[in-house]
Protein backbone atom coordinates (compact mmCIF):
# COMPACT_ATOMS: atom_id res chain seq x y z
CA MET A 1 0.05 166.55 52.62
CA ALA A 2 0.77 163.62 50.69
CA SER A 3 4.20 164.73 50.18
CA ASP A 4 4.31 165.70 53.76
CA LYS A 5 2.80 162.46 54.81
CA GLY A 6 5.09 160.67 52.51
CA GLY A 7 8.11 162.45 53.98
CA VAL A 8 7.07 161.76 57.53
CA ASP A 9 6.55 158.16 56.81
CA ILE A 10 10.01 157.85 55.37
CA GLU A 11 11.62 159.43 58.46
CA ILE A 12 9.88 157.06 60.81
CA GLU A 13 10.94 154.05 58.86
CA GLN A 14 14.57 155.21 58.78
CA ASN A 15 14.66 155.62 62.55
CA ASP A 16 13.22 152.21 63.06
CA ILE A 17 15.77 150.74 60.77
CA ASP A 18 18.60 152.40 62.71
CA LYS A 19 17.27 151.07 66.04
CA ILE A 20 16.91 147.62 64.64
CA VAL A 21 20.49 147.67 63.31
CA GLU A 22 21.82 148.96 66.61
CA GLY A 23 19.95 146.24 68.49
CA GLU A 24 21.24 143.53 66.25
CA LEU A 25 24.82 144.79 66.62
CA ALA A 26 24.46 144.90 70.39
CA ALA A 27 23.03 141.38 70.41
CA LYS A 28 25.95 140.11 68.32
CA GLU A 29 28.44 141.75 70.63
CA ASN A 30 26.78 140.23 73.67
CA ALA A 31 26.79 136.82 71.98
CA LEU A 32 30.52 137.10 71.17
CA ALA A 33 31.26 138.16 74.71
CA ASP A 34 29.30 135.20 76.07
CA ASP A 35 31.13 132.85 73.75
CA ASN A 36 34.50 134.19 74.92
CA LEU A 37 33.51 133.74 78.53
CA MET A 38 32.45 130.18 77.86
CA LYS A 39 35.69 129.35 76.12
CA ARG A 40 37.99 130.97 78.67
CA LYS A 41 38.96 128.83 81.67
CA PRO A 42 38.27 130.38 84.99
CA LYS A 43 41.38 131.41 86.88
CA LYS A 44 42.00 129.51 90.04
CA VAL A 45 43.09 131.92 92.70
CA HIS A 46 45.89 130.54 94.86
CA ARG A 47 45.07 131.43 98.41
CA GLN A 48 47.70 131.48 101.05
CA ASN A 49 47.22 129.45 104.18
CA SER A 50 46.69 130.87 107.61
CA LYS A 51 50.32 130.42 108.63
CA GLU A 52 51.64 132.83 106.07
CA SER A 53 52.31 136.38 107.01
CA VAL A 54 50.07 137.82 104.31
CA VAL A 55 46.84 136.54 105.85
CA ALA A 56 48.11 137.24 109.34
CA SER A 57 48.45 140.87 108.43
CA GLY A 58 44.90 140.90 107.03
CA PHE A 59 45.93 142.16 103.59
CA VAL A 60 45.50 140.11 100.40
CA HIS A 61 47.14 141.28 97.18
CA GLY A 62 44.97 141.81 94.18
CA PRO A 63 45.19 140.16 90.79
CA ARG A 64 47.80 142.64 89.54
CA SER A 65 50.28 141.49 92.18
CA TRP A 66 49.58 137.86 91.20
CA LYS A 67 50.54 138.68 87.63
CA ASN A 68 54.16 139.35 88.63
CA SER A 69 54.27 136.53 91.15
CA ARG A 70 56.72 133.67 90.46
CA ARG A 71 54.47 131.14 92.09
CA SER A 72 52.81 128.43 90.10
CA ARG A 73 49.47 129.41 88.56
CA ASN A 74 47.85 126.00 89.05
CA GLY A 75 48.29 125.87 92.81
CA TYR A 76 50.27 122.60 92.84
CA GLY A 77 53.80 123.77 92.13
CA ARG A 78 56.22 122.49 89.48
CA GLY A 79 57.35 119.46 91.47
CA LEU A 80 60.96 120.61 91.66
CA PRO A 81 63.05 120.32 94.83
CA LYS A 82 63.88 123.37 96.83
CA LYS A 83 67.37 124.67 97.26
CA GLY A 84 69.57 122.05 98.86
CA GLY A 85 67.17 119.26 97.89
CA ALA A 86 64.96 119.79 100.92
CA GLY A 87 61.60 119.30 99.25
CA GLY A 88 59.69 118.71 96.05
CA LYS A 89 57.75 115.90 94.49
CA GLY A 90 59.35 112.46 94.76
CA VAL A 91 62.49 113.56 96.64
CA TRP A 92 63.81 112.26 99.94
CA GLY A 93 64.69 115.61 101.45
CA LEU A 94 67.96 117.29 102.33
CA PRO A 95 70.91 114.85 102.28
CA GLY A 96 71.66 113.78 105.84
CA SER A 97 68.36 115.01 107.24
CA GLU A 98 67.38 111.44 108.12
CA LEU A 99 70.12 111.44 110.77
CA LEU A 100 68.77 114.55 112.45
CA GLU A 101 65.14 113.50 112.61
CA THR A 102 63.70 110.96 115.03
CA TYR A 103 61.14 108.79 113.28
CA GLU A 104 58.73 106.84 115.39
CA ASP A 105 56.22 104.47 113.83
CA VAL A 106 53.31 104.04 116.23
CA ASN A 107 52.07 101.13 114.12
CA ASP A 108 55.26 99.18 114.81
CA PRO A 109 54.41 96.29 117.19
CA ASN A 110 57.72 96.90 119.01
CA PHE A 111 56.95 100.58 119.53
CA ASP A 112 57.06 101.52 123.21
CA ASN A 113 56.34 105.16 123.75
CA GLU A 114 57.04 105.13 127.48
CA ASN A 115 60.54 103.66 127.21
CA LEU A 116 61.49 106.04 124.43
CA ASN A 117 60.29 109.08 126.31
CA ASN A 118 61.85 108.00 129.61
CA GLY A 119 65.24 107.37 128.03
CA ASP A 120 65.46 103.78 129.32
CA ILE A 121 66.71 102.53 125.95
CA GLU A 122 70.37 103.22 125.11
CA LEU A 123 71.59 102.59 121.57
CA LYS A 124 75.22 101.57 121.04
CA ALA A 125 77.26 100.63 117.96
CA VAL A 126 77.94 96.88 117.87
CA VAL A 127 81.27 95.86 116.29
CA PRO A 128 81.41 92.13 115.41
CA GLU A 129 84.32 90.28 117.03
CA VAL A 130 86.99 89.01 114.62
CA SER A 131 88.04 85.39 115.17
CA ASP A 132 91.63 84.10 115.17
CA GLU A 133 91.02 82.31 111.86
CA GLU A 134 89.92 85.55 110.20
CA ILE A 135 92.98 87.33 111.61
CA LYS A 136 95.23 84.61 110.16
CA LYS A 137 93.57 84.88 106.74
CA LYS A 138 94.20 88.63 106.73
CA VAL A 139 97.73 88.55 108.14
CA GLU A 140 99.20 85.75 106.01
CA PRO A 141 98.95 87.57 102.62
CA ILE A 142 100.40 90.73 104.20
CA ILE A 143 103.44 88.99 105.71
CA LEU A 144 104.11 86.86 102.60
CA GLU A 145 104.04 89.98 100.41
CA TYR A 146 106.35 91.68 102.91
CA PHE A 147 108.79 88.77 102.62
CA GLU A 148 108.88 89.39 98.85
CA ASN A 149 109.34 93.18 98.75
CA GLY A 150 110.67 94.02 102.25
CA ASP A 151 108.62 97.25 102.37
CA THR A 152 107.67 97.80 106.02
CA HIS A 153 105.73 100.99 105.23
CA GLU A 154 103.35 99.17 102.89
CA ALA A 155 102.91 96.34 105.42
CA ILE A 156 102.07 98.82 108.19
CA LEU A 157 99.44 100.53 106.02
CA SER A 158 97.81 97.18 105.22
CA ILE A 159 97.79 96.18 108.90
CA GLU A 160 96.23 99.46 110.03
CA GLU A 161 93.54 99.11 107.37
CA GLN A 162 92.57 95.48 107.90
CA ILE A 163 93.36 94.52 111.52
CA PRO A 164 91.20 95.99 114.35
CA VAL A 165 93.02 97.76 117.16
CA ASP A 166 91.74 95.36 119.81
CA ARG A 167 93.18 92.32 117.96
CA ARG A 168 96.73 93.55 117.40
CA ASP A 169 98.05 90.95 119.88
CA ALA A 170 96.74 88.20 117.59
CA LEU A 171 98.46 90.02 114.72
CA VAL A 172 101.90 89.83 116.41
CA GLU A 173 101.28 86.19 117.32
CA GLN A 174 100.51 85.28 113.71
CA LEU A 175 103.52 87.23 112.42
CA ILE A 176 105.92 85.28 114.65
CA GLU A 177 104.25 81.94 114.01
CA ILE A 178 104.49 82.39 110.22
CA ALA A 179 108.11 83.55 110.45
CA MET A 180 109.08 80.53 112.57
CA ASP A 181 108.19 78.31 109.63
CA HIS A 182 110.43 80.27 107.22
CA LYS A 183 114.12 80.97 106.70
CA PRO A 184 116.35 82.96 109.09
CA SER A 185 116.31 85.94 106.71
CA HIS A 186 112.50 86.03 106.95
CA ARG A 187 112.72 85.87 110.74
CA GLU A 188 115.08 88.83 110.66
CA MET A 189 112.58 90.74 108.51
CA THR A 190 109.79 89.88 110.96
CA SER A 191 111.82 91.21 113.91
CA VAL A 192 112.41 94.43 111.97
CA LEU A 193 108.69 94.72 111.18
CA ILE A 194 107.67 94.27 114.83
CA SER A 195 110.20 96.93 115.81
CA ASP A 196 108.72 99.32 113.22
CA LEU A 197 105.15 98.56 114.33
CA PHE A 198 106.02 99.55 117.91
CA PRO A 199 104.63 101.75 119.46
CA HIS A 200 102.27 103.40 116.93
CA VAL A 201 100.50 100.28 115.66
CA VAL A 202 101.15 97.77 118.46
CA ASN A 203 102.01 98.45 122.08
CA GLU A 204 103.92 96.65 124.80
CA ASN A 205 100.84 94.77 126.06
CA ASP A 206 100.10 93.43 122.56
CA ILE A 207 103.63 92.05 122.11
CA SER A 208 103.78 90.60 125.64
CA LYS A 209 100.42 88.89 125.25
CA ALA A 210 101.48 87.45 121.87
CA PHE A 211 104.66 85.94 123.37
CA GLU A 212 102.72 84.51 126.32
CA ASN A 213 100.27 82.79 123.95
CA LEU A 214 103.11 81.38 121.83
CA LEU A 215 104.93 80.08 124.91
CA ALA A 216 101.73 78.40 126.10
CA ASN A 217 101.30 76.72 122.67
CA LEU A 218 104.89 75.52 122.32
CA ASN A 219 103.85 71.86 122.53
CA ASP A 220 101.80 72.27 119.35
CA LEU A 221 104.44 74.34 117.57
CA ILE A 222 107.12 71.69 118.16
CA LEU A 223 105.14 69.24 116.03
CA ASP A 224 105.81 71.37 112.93
CA ILE A 225 108.95 73.22 114.06
CA PRO A 226 111.27 70.96 116.12
CA ASP A 227 113.51 73.87 117.21
CA ALA A 228 110.55 76.08 118.19
CA PRO A 229 111.82 76.80 121.77
CA THR A 230 115.16 78.05 120.45
CA VAL A 231 113.56 80.15 117.71
CA LEU A 232 110.97 81.64 120.06
CA GLY A 233 113.68 82.41 122.61
CA ASN A 234 115.56 84.30 119.89
CA PHE A 235 112.42 86.31 119.10
CA VAL A 236 111.93 87.19 122.79
CA ALA A 237 115.56 88.28 123.18
CA ARG A 238 115.45 90.33 119.98
CA ALA A 239 112.22 92.08 121.08
CA ILE A 240 113.89 93.02 124.39
CA ALA A 241 116.98 94.28 122.53
CA ASP A 242 114.72 96.43 120.33
CA ASP A 243 113.01 97.89 123.47
CA CYS A 244 109.62 96.49 122.47
CA ILE A 245 109.16 94.65 125.78
CA PRO A 246 111.00 95.18 129.10
CA PRO A 247 113.74 92.77 130.34
CA LYS A 248 111.60 91.87 133.36
CA PHE A 249 109.25 90.03 130.96
CA ILE A 250 111.44 86.90 131.24
CA GLN A 251 111.37 86.72 135.05
CA ARG A 252 107.70 87.63 135.22
CA THR A 253 106.68 84.99 132.65
CA ARG A 254 108.95 82.20 133.92
CA GLU A 255 106.77 81.78 137.02
CA LYS A 256 103.62 81.03 135.01
CA SER A 257 104.53 77.50 133.90
CA ASP A 258 106.89 74.64 134.72
CA ASN A 259 106.71 73.13 131.22
CA LYS A 260 110.11 72.02 129.93
CA ASP A 261 109.81 73.67 126.50
CA PHE A 262 108.33 76.81 128.09
CA GLN A 263 111.34 77.16 130.39
CA GLU A 264 113.81 76.27 127.62
CA ALA A 265 112.65 79.17 125.44
CA LEU A 266 112.94 81.68 128.30
CA ILE A 267 116.35 80.33 129.35
CA ARG A 268 117.52 80.71 125.74
CA ALA A 269 116.40 84.36 125.72
CA ASP A 270 118.00 85.04 129.11
CA THR A 271 121.28 83.46 127.97
CA LEU A 272 121.46 85.61 124.85
CA LEU A 273 120.82 88.75 126.89
CA SER A 274 123.42 87.79 129.53
CA MET A 275 126.28 87.44 127.05
CA LYS A 276 128.92 90.11 126.85
CA HIS A 277 127.68 92.83 124.52
CA GLY A 278 124.54 90.72 124.22
CA LEU A 279 122.24 93.56 123.18
CA VAL A 280 124.56 94.49 120.33
CA ARG A 281 125.00 90.90 119.16
CA LEU A 282 121.25 90.32 119.16
CA HIS A 283 120.92 92.57 116.14
CA ASN A 284 122.50 89.68 114.23
CA VAL A 285 120.75 86.89 116.12
CA TRP A 286 119.31 85.60 112.83
CA GLY A 287 122.56 86.15 110.93
CA VAL A 288 123.20 88.46 108.02
CA GLY A 289 120.97 87.43 105.17
CA GLY A 290 122.08 86.36 101.73
CA ALA A 291 124.01 88.83 99.61
CA LEU A 292 124.63 91.11 102.61
CA ARG A 293 127.27 88.72 103.89
CA PRO A 294 130.92 89.39 103.04
CA VAL A 295 132.48 87.18 100.37
CA LYS A 296 135.17 85.94 102.75
CA ALA A 297 132.55 84.87 105.28
CA LEU A 298 130.59 82.97 102.62
CA THR A 299 133.73 81.27 101.33
CA ARG A 300 134.68 80.20 104.85
CA GLN A 301 131.21 78.78 105.55
CA MET A 302 131.25 76.81 102.29
CA SER A 303 134.67 75.41 103.15
CA LEU A 304 133.39 74.35 106.59
CA LEU A 305 130.35 72.78 104.92
CA LEU A 306 132.59 70.65 102.69
CA GLN A 307 134.83 69.62 105.58
CA GLU A 308 131.83 68.55 107.64
CA PHE A 309 130.52 66.56 104.68
CA ILE A 310 133.84 64.75 104.27
CA SER A 311 133.57 63.70 107.92
CA SER A 312 129.88 62.72 107.96
CA SER A 313 129.01 61.99 104.28
CA ASP A 314 125.53 63.42 105.03
CA ILE A 315 124.26 64.86 101.76
CA VAL A 316 120.90 65.93 103.28
CA GLU A 317 122.59 68.03 105.96
CA ALA A 318 124.96 69.57 103.42
CA SER A 319 121.99 70.49 101.21
CA ARG A 320 120.19 72.10 104.16
CA CYS A 321 123.26 74.15 105.09
CA LEU A 322 123.70 75.33 101.51
CA ARG A 323 120.06 76.45 101.34
CA LEU A 324 120.40 78.37 104.61
CA LEU A 325 123.19 80.45 103.09
CA GLU A 326 120.60 81.85 100.61
CA VAL A 327 123.17 82.76 97.96
CA PRO A 328 122.17 80.84 94.79
CA HIS A 329 124.17 83.32 92.71
CA PHE A 330 127.35 82.34 94.61
CA HIS A 331 127.06 78.54 94.40
CA HIS A 332 129.90 78.44 91.88
CA GLU A 333 132.18 79.15 94.84
CA LEU A 334 131.12 75.86 96.45
CA VAL A 335 131.95 74.00 93.21
CA TYR A 336 135.34 75.73 93.08
CA GLU A 337 136.13 74.87 96.72
CA ALA A 338 135.03 71.25 96.24
CA ILE A 339 137.34 70.74 93.20
CA VAL A 340 140.30 72.42 94.94
CA MET A 341 139.70 70.23 98.00
CA ALA A 342 139.75 67.15 95.77
CA LEU A 343 143.01 68.27 94.14
CA GLU A 344 144.65 68.94 97.51
CA ALA A 345 143.39 65.70 99.10
CA ASN A 346 144.77 63.46 96.30
CA SER A 347 142.61 60.65 97.61
CA ALA A 348 140.25 58.46 95.64
CA PRO A 349 137.64 58.10 98.48
CA LYS A 350 137.44 61.87 98.97
CA GLU A 351 137.20 62.42 95.22
CA GLU A 352 134.34 59.91 95.07
CA ALA A 353 132.53 61.58 98.00
CA LEU A 354 132.85 65.09 96.53
CA CYS A 355 131.73 63.82 93.13
CA ASN A 356 128.63 62.28 94.73
CA LEU A 357 127.91 65.56 96.55
CA LEU A 358 128.10 67.65 93.37
CA LYS A 359 125.95 65.10 91.55
CA ALA A 360 123.29 65.32 94.31
CA PHE A 361 123.33 69.12 94.12
CA ALA A 362 123.01 68.98 90.33
CA ASP A 363 120.17 66.42 90.36
CA SER A 364 118.15 68.47 92.87
CA ILE A 365 118.98 71.65 90.88
CA LEU A 366 120.29 73.16 94.10
CA ILE A 367 123.28 74.11 91.96
CA THR A 368 122.22 75.11 88.46
CA PRO A 369 124.17 73.93 85.36
CA ASP A 370 125.34 77.50 84.83
CA GLN A 371 126.81 77.72 88.34
CA MET A 372 128.34 74.23 87.98
CA GLU A 373 130.03 75.15 84.71
CA ARG A 374 131.26 78.44 86.08
CA GLY A 375 132.87 76.72 89.08
CA PHE A 376 134.77 74.23 86.87
CA LEU A 377 135.93 76.95 84.47
CA ARG A 378 137.25 79.01 87.39
CA VAL A 379 139.41 76.04 88.41
CA PHE A 380 140.63 75.64 84.82
CA ASP A 381 141.70 79.29 84.76
CA ASP A 382 143.50 79.11 88.13
CA LEU A 383 145.13 75.72 87.47
CA PRO A 384 148.61 77.15 86.74
CA ASP A 385 148.64 78.80 90.19
CA ILE A 386 147.11 75.74 91.90
CA SER A 387 149.77 73.47 90.32
CA MET A 388 152.47 75.43 92.12
CA ASP A 389 151.13 74.06 95.44
CA VAL A 390 149.83 70.76 94.00
CA PRO A 391 152.33 69.49 91.40
CA LEU A 392 150.00 66.72 90.22
CA ALA A 393 147.01 69.09 89.84
CA TYR A 394 146.62 68.50 86.08
CA ILE A 395 146.55 64.73 86.46
CA ILE A 396 144.20 64.74 89.46
CA LEU A 397 141.89 67.23 87.74
CA ASP A 398 141.77 65.09 84.60
CA ARG A 399 140.82 62.09 86.70
CA PHE A 400 138.20 64.00 88.72
CA VAL A 401 136.60 65.47 85.58
CA ASP A 402 136.36 61.98 84.05
CA ARG A 403 134.72 60.71 87.22
CA CYS A 404 132.16 63.57 87.19
CA HIS A 405 131.54 63.11 83.47
CA ASN A 406 130.78 59.44 84.01
CA ALA A 407 128.37 60.45 86.78
CA GLY A 408 126.44 62.35 84.11
CA PHE A 409 126.19 65.91 85.41
CA LEU A 410 128.95 67.63 83.40
CA THR A 411 128.26 69.21 80.03
CA GLU A 412 130.34 68.70 76.89
CA ASN A 413 131.38 72.35 77.07
CA ILE A 414 133.29 71.66 80.29
CA ILE A 415 134.99 68.59 78.83
CA LYS A 416 136.12 70.53 75.74
CA LYS A 417 137.65 73.30 77.84
CA LEU A 418 139.60 70.96 80.11
CA PRO A 419 143.20 72.24 79.99
CA ALA A 420 145.97 69.94 78.87
CA ARG A 421 149.28 70.00 80.66
CA GLY A 422 151.98 71.68 78.66
CA ARG A 423 155.22 69.90 77.73
CA LYS A 424 157.55 69.90 80.70
CA ARG A 425 161.08 68.62 80.97
CA PHE A 426 161.47 65.80 83.49
CA VAL A 427 164.47 65.47 85.75
CA SER A 428 164.89 61.90 84.58
CA GLU A 429 163.07 59.44 82.44
CA GLY A 430 161.84 57.63 85.55
CA ASP A 431 159.59 60.54 86.62
CA GLN A 432 157.27 60.06 83.68
CA HIS A 433 157.06 56.34 84.38
CA PHE A 434 156.05 56.97 88.01
CA ILE A 435 153.38 59.46 86.97
CA LYS A 436 151.86 57.03 84.46
CA ASN A 437 151.78 54.24 87.03
CA TYR A 438 150.16 56.60 89.60
CA LYS A 439 147.43 57.52 87.14
CA ILE A 440 146.72 53.89 86.27
CA ASN A 441 146.58 52.77 89.91
CA HIS A 442 144.24 55.55 90.91
């Protein structure tokens, strides 16, 4: 019994121990599970709004479908813009979308809902009007640069970019007014530019209106340009010859004013057009500029310049005529012609006048020392041929060079290269005596 009792007692105790162990293990597992639940953050389920098709269909995907979803888990999104930049945090939307949307601020004190809805308000683009002073500031650099390079294509591009279409008449007016204050070669370039501008950049009305404004302002232009009526008449005739304005422009405009200068300019244009072969001659109304002129023509004009100076002794006018030729590289020809004229004249007053003219040109640097020296050396080289027509050429040249050297504008290089007359047999001993007396008296 005892043993039996003892055995029974042992069995009961073992079972109790097993139950107790199992209970403790279960309690530990429950405690661990509770701890894990406390530590784990609850998942926030992102619900779709009522506008989405999922709720409209009445079916909501389960958590397994959310696992593979590419949507943000926190419900706020990543803050990145959508494709094309149409959304996202801190973005302005799709580029250009502000032009397509109509934004109305009801809190704006100027907001008027009735006028906007009724269409009573019409919005138009306002282009500020450009004044004549602004046009002049834009045109002057363009035309001055064109005078330097002569590139009409570049000038046309600058004009199209900077001058509005509705102010092209003021453009033509400024072009002509600037050219009137420059040399004939620049006026020729301006006529060519106006011809190239027509009809793509400026039209007939623009050119006609520009000439009408210039004719009306002739009284003011004469203050700065005394020959303004003649110059403007040349521009009008040249524009008609280039088919920029019709010939009837002269008759139509002549009736608008009885002003003397106004009528003089139009009469000048009408006279040029009425000449025989007038339209052909008008292509050279400003003359051929500078180096484009033939050498014979330049030589003849310089000879006429010197002859006119001998008659008038007007150094200022001679200087102006020489500048108008625009051939500074050919001024040695004027020096050559002046020395030859002095040799042929064989007159002390003419030698003095020509010496004063060359001195004035040298002092004003109208003729450079290089051109002056070159002109004298050319005479020295041609002296044997010149002496065939002027027997006393060596003596007269020696006297003229001394006179110029005393005036102070000849270099020592010219004096050193002065040719000496070779030994020549006289017909009689009296010839040498006469020559010496001639040199002393003169």
